[in-house]
Amino acid sequence: KHAAEWEVDISFSGSFGTQHAKHLERMGAVEVDDMLCELSNSVAEGGSSGRNRDAPDWWTFLREHMHMDIYGADQYGVPVAYNDIGSCDLSGCVREVGIDKVLRYCVYLNDFALDAARHASQKQSKIQGSPAMLHGGVVIVDVERMGWRHKNEVKVFQEVADAAKFLHPERQRRCFIVRAPRIFSMIWRVVAPKLDPRAIEKIVIIGAGEPLDPLVAELGLAAIPTCS
C-alpha cells in the first residue's frame, strides 16, 4: 500500500530502508559500508537509478529537525536508535511537510534499522557457521526537554506508533526512556493505554537525575551516546 502511494520501488530488498540508505549516501551523511553500498545501489524513488539526484527536500528537512537516528551497534551488531523527542518539534515538522511525510520518514528509518539488523545477522551467520537471527534492537528515547507543548503532539506519536505496530512489530528489543521530567508521567498516562502491551513490557523509564544503570547494563558504557 505504502509503496504504491509513495511511488517507491522496493523490489530490490522489499524494504523502504533502501531509500533511506540512498538519501544518506547522497548527503554524504555516513560512511558507506557494505550494507549501505548494497542498499544504495538498488532502485531509487520513481524508478530511476538517481545516483546523482539530491535527497528530497522533505527528507533533508526531517533529518535535520526530527532528531531521530541510528548509530553504532550493540553487542549483537545491531544499530542503536537514539530519538531526542524532548527537543523535537513534531507539530512543527507536520506543519512544514505534512503528517504523511513524517510517517514516511519514520517508516524509512525503521526499515533501514531492520535492514542493518538483517545485514548483521548475515555477517554473524558466516562467522559462527550457523544461522543467526538478529532483529529487535535497542531504542533510546531522550525526553529531557519535554514540556506542556508535547501534549499537543500525542496524536502524532499515536499515528507513528500505529504504523510501527503493523510494519515493524518486533523493531525493538528494549526501549529506554531516559531523563524523564515530572511532566512525562502525565503524558505517559495518556499515551500508555494506546500502546500494545507487548511494547510496554519492553520499555524501561529512567527519570531525570536517576542513574542510567539499566541502560549501561544493556549496552555497555561505550555504546551510550554523550548528551549535553
Protein backbone atom coordinates (compact mmCIF):
# COMPACT_ATOMS: atom_id res chain seq x y z
CA LYS A 1 0.00 0.00 0.00
CA HIS A 2 2.67 2.50 1.03
CA ALA A 3 4.94 1.57 -1.89
CA ALA A 4 2.13 2.35 -4.30
CA GLU A 5 1.11 5.59 -2.60
CA TRP A 6 4.68 6.85 -2.34
CA GLU A 7 5.67 5.60 -5.82
CA VAL A 8 8.69 3.80 -4.40
CA ASP A 9 10.18 0.69 -5.97
CA ILE A 10 11.12 -1.72 -3.16
CA SER A 11 11.59 -4.76 -5.38
CA PHE A 12 15.33 -4.96 -4.64
CA SER A 13 15.13 -5.51 -0.90
CA GLY A 14 11.42 -5.43 -0.08
CA SER A 15 12.28 -2.59 2.28
CA PHE A 16 11.94 1.19 2.46
CA GLY A 17 15.36 1.18 4.11
CA THR A 18 16.72 1.20 0.56
CA GLN A 19 15.52 4.78 0.14
CA HIS A 20 16.92 5.93 3.47
CA ALA A 21 20.31 4.45 2.61
CA LYS A 22 20.35 6.14 -0.79
CA HIS A 23 19.45 9.54 0.66
CA LEU A 24 22.16 9.17 3.32
CA GLU A 25 24.70 8.41 0.63
CA ARG A 26 23.60 11.37 -1.47
CA MET A 27 24.09 13.66 1.51
CA GLY A 28 27.43 12.12 2.39
CA ALA A 29 25.97 11.78 5.89
CA VAL A 30 27.52 8.42 6.70
CA GLU A 31 30.48 6.28 5.84
CA VAL A 32 29.08 3.89 3.24
CA ASP A 33 29.87 0.34 4.34
CA ASP A 34 28.99 -2.91 2.58
CA MET A 35 25.37 -2.79 3.69
CA LEU A 36 24.84 0.78 2.54
CA CYS A 37 26.52 0.06 -0.79
CA GLU A 38 24.16 -2.88 -1.31
CA LEU A 39 21.10 -0.84 -0.40
CA SER A 40 22.00 2.40 -2.14
CA ASN A 41 22.72 0.61 -5.41
CA SER A 42 19.12 -0.58 -5.59
CA VAL A 43 16.30 1.12 -7.44
CA ALA A 44 15.67 4.73 -6.38
CA GLU A 45 12.38 6.53 -5.92
CA GLY A 46 10.38 7.00 -9.09
CA GLY A 47 12.01 4.01 -10.77
CA SER A 48 15.26 5.73 -11.86
CA SER A 49 18.74 4.99 -10.63
CA GLY A 50 19.02 8.52 -9.29
CA ARG A 51 22.67 8.28 -8.30
CA ASN A 52 23.25 11.98 -8.94
CA ARG A 53 19.96 13.27 -7.61
CA ASP A 54 19.74 15.14 -4.33
CA ALA A 55 17.73 13.72 -1.47
CA PRO A 56 14.17 15.11 -1.41
CA ASP A 57 13.68 18.39 0.44
CA TRP A 58 11.17 16.87 2.87
CA TRP A 59 13.65 14.13 3.80
CA THR A 60 16.57 16.51 4.38
CA PHE A 61 14.31 18.80 6.44
CA LEU A 62 13.15 15.95 8.67
CA ARG A 63 16.65 14.53 9.05
CA GLU A 64 17.73 17.91 10.40
CA HIS A 65 14.72 18.60 12.62
CA MET A 66 13.29 15.23 13.72
CA HIS A 67 16.31 14.33 15.90
CA MET A 68 15.92 10.61 15.16
CA ASP A 69 18.83 8.48 14.02
CA ILE A 70 20.68 5.21 14.43
CA TYR A 71 24.33 4.86 15.33
CA GLY A 72 26.98 2.33 16.32
CA ALA A 73 25.92 -1.16 17.34
CA ASP A 74 25.02 -3.20 20.39
CA GLN A 75 26.79 -6.38 21.47
CA TYR A 76 24.97 -8.28 18.72
CA GLY A 77 25.98 -5.89 15.95
CA VAL A 78 22.51 -4.31 15.66
CA PRO A 79 22.44 -0.48 15.37
CA VAL A 80 21.18 1.53 18.34
CA ALA A 81 18.40 4.08 17.77
CA TYR A 82 18.50 7.47 19.52
CA ASN A 83 15.38 9.66 19.43
CA ASP A 84 15.63 13.08 21.07
CA ILE A 85 11.89 13.56 21.48
CA GLY A 86 12.26 16.26 24.14
CA SER A 87 14.00 18.62 21.71
CA CYS A 88 11.88 17.73 18.69
CA ASP A 89 9.05 19.95 17.47
CA LEU A 90 6.87 17.26 15.90
CA SER A 91 3.97 19.65 15.38
CA GLY A 92 6.29 21.98 13.51
CA CYS A 93 7.55 19.13 11.35
CA VAL A 94 3.99 18.14 10.48
CA ARG A 95 3.16 21.77 9.71
CA GLU A 96 6.14 22.08 7.34
CA VAL A 97 5.96 18.80 5.41
CA GLY A 98 2.68 17.12 6.39
CA ILE A 99 1.87 14.07 8.51
CA ASP A 100 2.31 11.71 5.55
CA LYS A 101 5.94 12.73 5.10
CA VAL A 102 6.61 12.44 8.84
CA LEU A 103 5.18 8.91 8.85
CA ARG A 104 7.12 8.11 5.70
CA TYR A 105 10.39 9.26 7.27
CA CYS A 106 9.79 7.11 10.34
CA VAL A 107 8.99 4.09 8.16
CA TYR A 108 12.15 4.65 6.11
CA LEU A 109 14.27 4.92 9.25
CA ASN A 110 12.77 1.84 10.92
CA ASP A 111 13.17 -0.24 7.76
CA PHE A 112 16.75 0.97 7.45
CA ALA A 113 17.42 -0.22 11.01
CA LEU A 114 15.88 -3.60 10.24
CA ASP A 115 17.98 -3.85 7.07
CA ALA A 116 21.06 -3.18 9.20
CA ALA A 117 19.97 -5.90 11.63
CA ARG A 118 19.50 -8.35 8.74
CA HIS A 119 22.95 -7.45 7.46
CA ALA A 120 24.38 -8.07 10.94
CA SER A 121 22.57 -11.45 11.01
CA GLN A 122 24.17 -12.46 7.74
CA LYS A 123 27.64 -11.47 8.96
CA GLN A 124 27.17 -13.32 12.26
CA SER A 125 25.88 -16.41 10.44
CA LYS A 126 29.06 -16.56 8.38
CA ILE A 127 31.24 -16.11 11.47
CA GLN A 128 29.58 -18.84 13.55
CA GLY A 129 28.82 -21.18 10.66
CA SER A 130 25.14 -21.47 11.52
CA PRO A 131 22.06 -19.27 11.07
CA ALA A 132 21.85 -16.21 13.34
CA MET A 133 18.68 -14.16 13.69
CA LEU A 134 19.07 -10.59 14.89
CA HIS A 135 16.13 -8.22 14.53
CA GLY A 136 14.94 -6.15 17.50
CA GLY A 137 17.40 -3.52 18.66
CA VAL A 138 17.71 -1.02 21.49
CA VAL A 139 15.87 2.30 21.20
CA ILE A 140 16.86 5.25 23.41
CA VAL A 141 14.17 7.92 23.77
CA ASP A 142 15.50 11.12 25.37
CA VAL A 143 12.72 13.25 26.87
CA GLU A 144 14.81 15.67 28.92
CA ARG A 145 13.25 18.84 27.45
CA MET A 146 9.71 17.53 27.32
CA GLY A 147 7.14 20.16 28.28
CA TRP A 148 3.46 21.03 28.09
CA ARG A 149 3.72 21.68 24.36
CA HIS A 150 4.26 17.97 23.81
CA LYS A 151 0.75 17.13 25.00
CA ASN A 152 -0.44 18.50 21.67
CA GLU A 153 1.78 16.01 19.86
CA VAL A 154 0.21 12.89 21.34
CA LYS A 155 -1.85 12.38 18.16
CA VAL A 156 1.32 12.44 16.03
CA PHE A 157 3.01 9.96 18.38
CA GLN A 158 -0.04 7.71 18.08
CA GLU A 159 -0.04 7.75 14.27
CA VAL A 160 3.66 6.89 14.20
CA ALA A 161 3.10 4.13 16.77
CA ASP A 162 0.17 2.69 14.78
CA ALA A 163 2.32 2.48 11.64
CA ALA A 164 5.16 0.84 13.56
CA LYS A 165 2.77 -1.66 15.16
CA PHE A 166 1.83 -3.11 11.78
CA LEU A 167 5.03 -2.59 9.79
CA HIS A 168 7.68 -3.11 12.49
CA PRO A 169 6.12 -5.22 15.28
CA GLU A 170 9.49 -6.52 16.52
CA ARG A 171 11.54 -3.39 15.79
CA GLN A 172 12.78 -3.01 19.37
CA ARG A 173 14.24 -5.50 21.79
CA ARG A 174 14.24 -2.92 24.55
CA CYS A 175 13.28 0.76 24.77
CA PHE A 176 14.83 3.08 27.34
CA ILE A 177 13.04 6.36 28.01
CA VAL A 178 15.71 8.46 29.70
CA ARG A 179 15.96 11.75 31.61
CA ALA A 180 12.18 11.83 32.06
CA PRO A 181 10.95 15.02 33.79
CA ARG A 182 7.93 15.09 36.11
CA ILE A 183 5.59 16.15 33.32
CA PHE A 184 6.40 12.94 31.44
CA SER A 185 4.31 10.92 33.90
CA MET A 186 1.21 12.91 32.94
CA ILE A 187 1.85 12.48 29.21
CA TRP A 188 2.65 8.80 29.75
CA ARG A 189 -0.76 8.23 31.36
CA VAL A 190 -2.34 9.43 28.11
CA VAL A 191 -0.03 7.53 25.75
CA ALA A 192 0.44 4.20 27.56
CA PRO A 193 -3.16 2.89 27.21
CA LYS A 194 -2.86 3.26 23.44
CA LEU A 195 0.30 1.16 23.19
CA ASP A 196 0.45 -2.57 22.64
CA PRO A 197 1.00 -4.44 25.95
CA ARG A 198 3.95 -6.29 24.40
CA ALA A 199 5.58 -2.94 23.59
CA ILE A 200 5.05 -1.66 27.13
CA GLU A 201 6.77 -4.75 28.54
CA LYS A 202 9.93 -3.75 26.65
CA ILE A 203 10.01 -0.17 27.99
CA VAL A 204 12.24 0.98 30.85
CA ILE A 205 11.66 4.52 32.15
CA ILE A 206 14.57 6.33 33.81
CA GLY A 207 13.71 9.63 35.46
CA ALA A 208 15.73 12.84 35.36
CA GLY A 209 18.70 12.58 37.71
CA GLU A 210 18.40 8.82 38.09
CA PRO A 211 21.39 6.61 37.24
CA LEU A 212 21.45 5.03 33.79
CA ASP A 213 22.47 1.65 35.19
CA PRO A 214 19.79 -0.38 33.32
CA LEU A 215 20.87 1.19 30.02
CA VAL A 216 24.56 0.65 30.77
CA ALA A 217 23.85 -2.98 31.66
CA GLU A 218 22.09 -3.49 28.33
CA LEU A 219 24.53 -1.68 26.02
CA GLY A 220 27.75 -1.04 27.88
CA LEU A 221 29.03 2.44 28.59
CA ALA A 222 30.91 2.78 25.28
CA ALA A 223 27.72 2.35 23.23
CA ILE A 224 25.74 5.09 25.01
CA PRO A 225 25.73 8.49 23.26
CA THR A 226 27.10 11.54 25.05
CA CYS A 227 24.30 14.02 25.74
CA SER A 228 24.57 17.70 26.59
